[in-house]
C-alpha atoms as a PDB file:
ATOM      1  CA  UNK A   1      -5.082  12.652  13.845  1.00  0.00           C
ATOM      2  CA  UNK A   2      -8.151  11.098  12.359  1.00  0.00           C
ATOM      3  CA  UNK A   3      -7.386  12.928   8.975  1.00  0.00           C
ATOM      4  CA  UNK A   4      -3.904  11.368   8.955  1.00  0.00           C
ATOM      5  CA  UNK A   5      -3.055  10.090   5.519  1.00  0.00           C
ATOM      6  CA  UNK A   6       0.567   8.618   5.894  1.00  0.00           C
ATOM      7  CA  UNK A   7       0.794   7.491   2.317  1.00  0.00           C
ATOM      8  CA  UNK A   8       0.207  11.260   0.967  1.00  0.00           C
ATOM      9  CA  UNK A   9       2.233  12.952   3.654  1.00  0.00           C
ATOM     10  CA  UNK A  10       5.705  14.302   3.087  1.00  0.00           C
ATOM     11  CA  UNK A  11       6.635  13.978   6.716  1.00  0.00           C
ATOM     12  CA  UNK A  12       6.024  10.055   6.977  1.00  0.00           C
ATOM     13  CA  UNK A  13       8.962   8.497   8.728  1.00  0.00           C
ATOM     14  CA  UNK A  14       9.570   5.161   6.660  1.00  0.00           C
ATOM     15  CA  UNK A  15      11.452   3.084   9.091  1.00  0.00           C
ATOM     16  CA  UNK A  16      12.497  -0.494   8.250  1.00  0.00           C
ATOM     17  CA  UNK A  17       9.767  -1.813  10.360  1.00  0.00           C
ATOM     18  CA  UNK A  18       7.141   0.477   8.588  1.00  0.00           C
ATOM     19  CA  UNK A  19       8.403  -0.448   5.123  1.00  0.00           C
ATOM     20  CA  UNK A  20       8.204  -4.239   6.010  1.00  0.00           C
ATOM     21  CA  UNK A  21       4.451  -3.651   7.473  1.00  0.00           C
ATOM     22  CA  UNK A  22       3.702  -1.914   4.103  1.00  0.00           C
ATOM     23  CA  UNK A  23       5.287  -4.499   2.116  1.00  0.00           C
ATOM     24  CA  UNK A  24       3.148  -7.194   4.077  1.00  0.00           C
ATOM     25  CA  UNK A  25       0.059  -4.981   3.688  1.00  0.00           C
ATOM     26  CA  UNK A  26       0.547  -4.815  -0.044  1.00  0.00           C
ATOM     27  CA  UNK A  27       0.817  -8.550  -0.258  1.00  0.00           C
ATOM     28  CA  UNK A  28      -2.474  -8.970   1.788  1.00  0.00           C
ATOM     29  CA  UNK A  29      -4.182  -6.710  -0.684  1.00  0.00           C
ATOM     30  CA  UNK A  30      -2.974  -8.453  -3.736  1.00  0.00           C
ATOM     31  CA  UNK A  31      -4.197 -11.774  -2.308  1.00  0.00           C
ATOM     32  CA  UNK A  32      -7.516 -10.249  -1.431  1.00  0.00           C
ATOM     33  CA  UNK A  33      -7.824  -8.901  -4.857  1.00  0.00           C
ATOM     34  CA  UNK A  34      -6.942 -12.193  -6.715  1.00  0.00           C
ATOM     35  CA  UNK A  35     -10.171 -13.411  -5.362  1.00  0.00           C
ATOM     36  CA  UNK A  36     -11.914 -10.506  -6.823  1.00  0.00           C
ATOM     37  CA  UNK A  37     -14.803 -12.407  -8.312  1.00  0.00           C
ATOM     38  CA  UNK A  38     -16.233 -12.787  -4.845  1.00  0.00           C
ATOM     39  CA  UNK A  39     -15.781  -9.234  -3.874  1.00  0.00           C
ATOM     40  CA  UNK A  40     -18.677  -6.568  -4.104  1.00  0.00           C
ATOM     41  CA  UNK A  41     -17.756  -4.014  -6.735  1.00  0.00           C
ATOM     42  CA  UNK A  42     -17.462  -1.040  -4.407  1.00  0.00           C
ATOM     43  CA  UNK A  43     -14.987  -3.256  -1.985  1.00  0.00           C
ATOM     44  CA  UNK A  44     -13.012  -4.320  -4.966  1.00  0.00           C
ATOM     45  CA  UNK A  45     -12.766  -0.615  -6.222  1.00  0.00           C
ATOM     46  CA  UNK A  46     -11.585   0.462  -2.582  1.00  0.00           C
ATOM     47  CA  UNK A  47      -9.119  -2.320  -2.226  1.00  0.00           C
ATOM     48  CA  UNK A  48      -7.655  -1.529  -5.565  1.00  0.00           C
ATOM     49  CA  UNK A  49      -7.236   2.181  -4.780  1.00  0.00           C
ATOM     50  CA  UNK A  50      -5.253   1.021  -1.397  1.00  0.00           C
ATOM     51  CA  UNK A  51      -3.234  -1.218  -3.514  1.00  0.00           C
ATOM     52  CA  UNK A  52      -2.261   1.404  -6.057  1.00  0.00           C
ATOM     53  CA  UNK A  53      -1.551   4.054  -3.444  1.00  0.00           C
ATOM     54  CA  UNK A  54       0.473   1.625  -1.307  1.00  0.00           C
ATOM     55  CA  UNK A  55       2.286   0.382  -4.340  1.00  0.00           C
ATOM     56  CA  UNK A  56       3.132   3.760  -5.464  1.00  0.00           C
ATOM     57  CA  UNK A  57       4.323   4.835  -1.965  1.00  0.00           C
ATOM     58  CA  UNK A  58       6.624   2.009  -1.547  1.00  0.00           C
ATOM     59  CA  UNK A  59       8.058   2.537  -5.204  1.00  0.00           C
ATOM     60  CA  UNK A  60       8.756   6.077  -4.319  1.00  0.00           C
ATOM     61  CA  UNK A  61      10.413   5.263  -1.144  1.00  0.00           C
ATOM     62  CA  UNK A  62      12.429   2.124  -1.878  1.00  0.00           C
ATOM     63  CA  UNK A  63      16.018   3.006  -2.452  1.00  0.00           C
ATOM     64  CA  UNK A  64      17.525   1.761  -5.799  1.00  0.00           C
ATOM     65  CA  UNK A  65      20.440  -0.545  -5.439  1.00  0.00           C
ATOM     66  CA  UNK A  66      23.445   0.002  -7.603  1.00  0.00           C
ATOM     67  CA  UNK A  67      25.049  -2.899  -9.627  1.00  0.00           C
END
């Protein structure tokens, strides 16, 4: 399981609790990146990658609401 990559896996089960946890994690990443001037370049790069991947995953797996 050490190689598990849930954001890239087609078999990921996205429950409402998982969705909420990922949304909270995305908000934490956003907050961390907003203080980017204090971050080491490599750390900022890794956090940006995580933010991009999490945001893309949530976008793909959030159902569109009909008007």
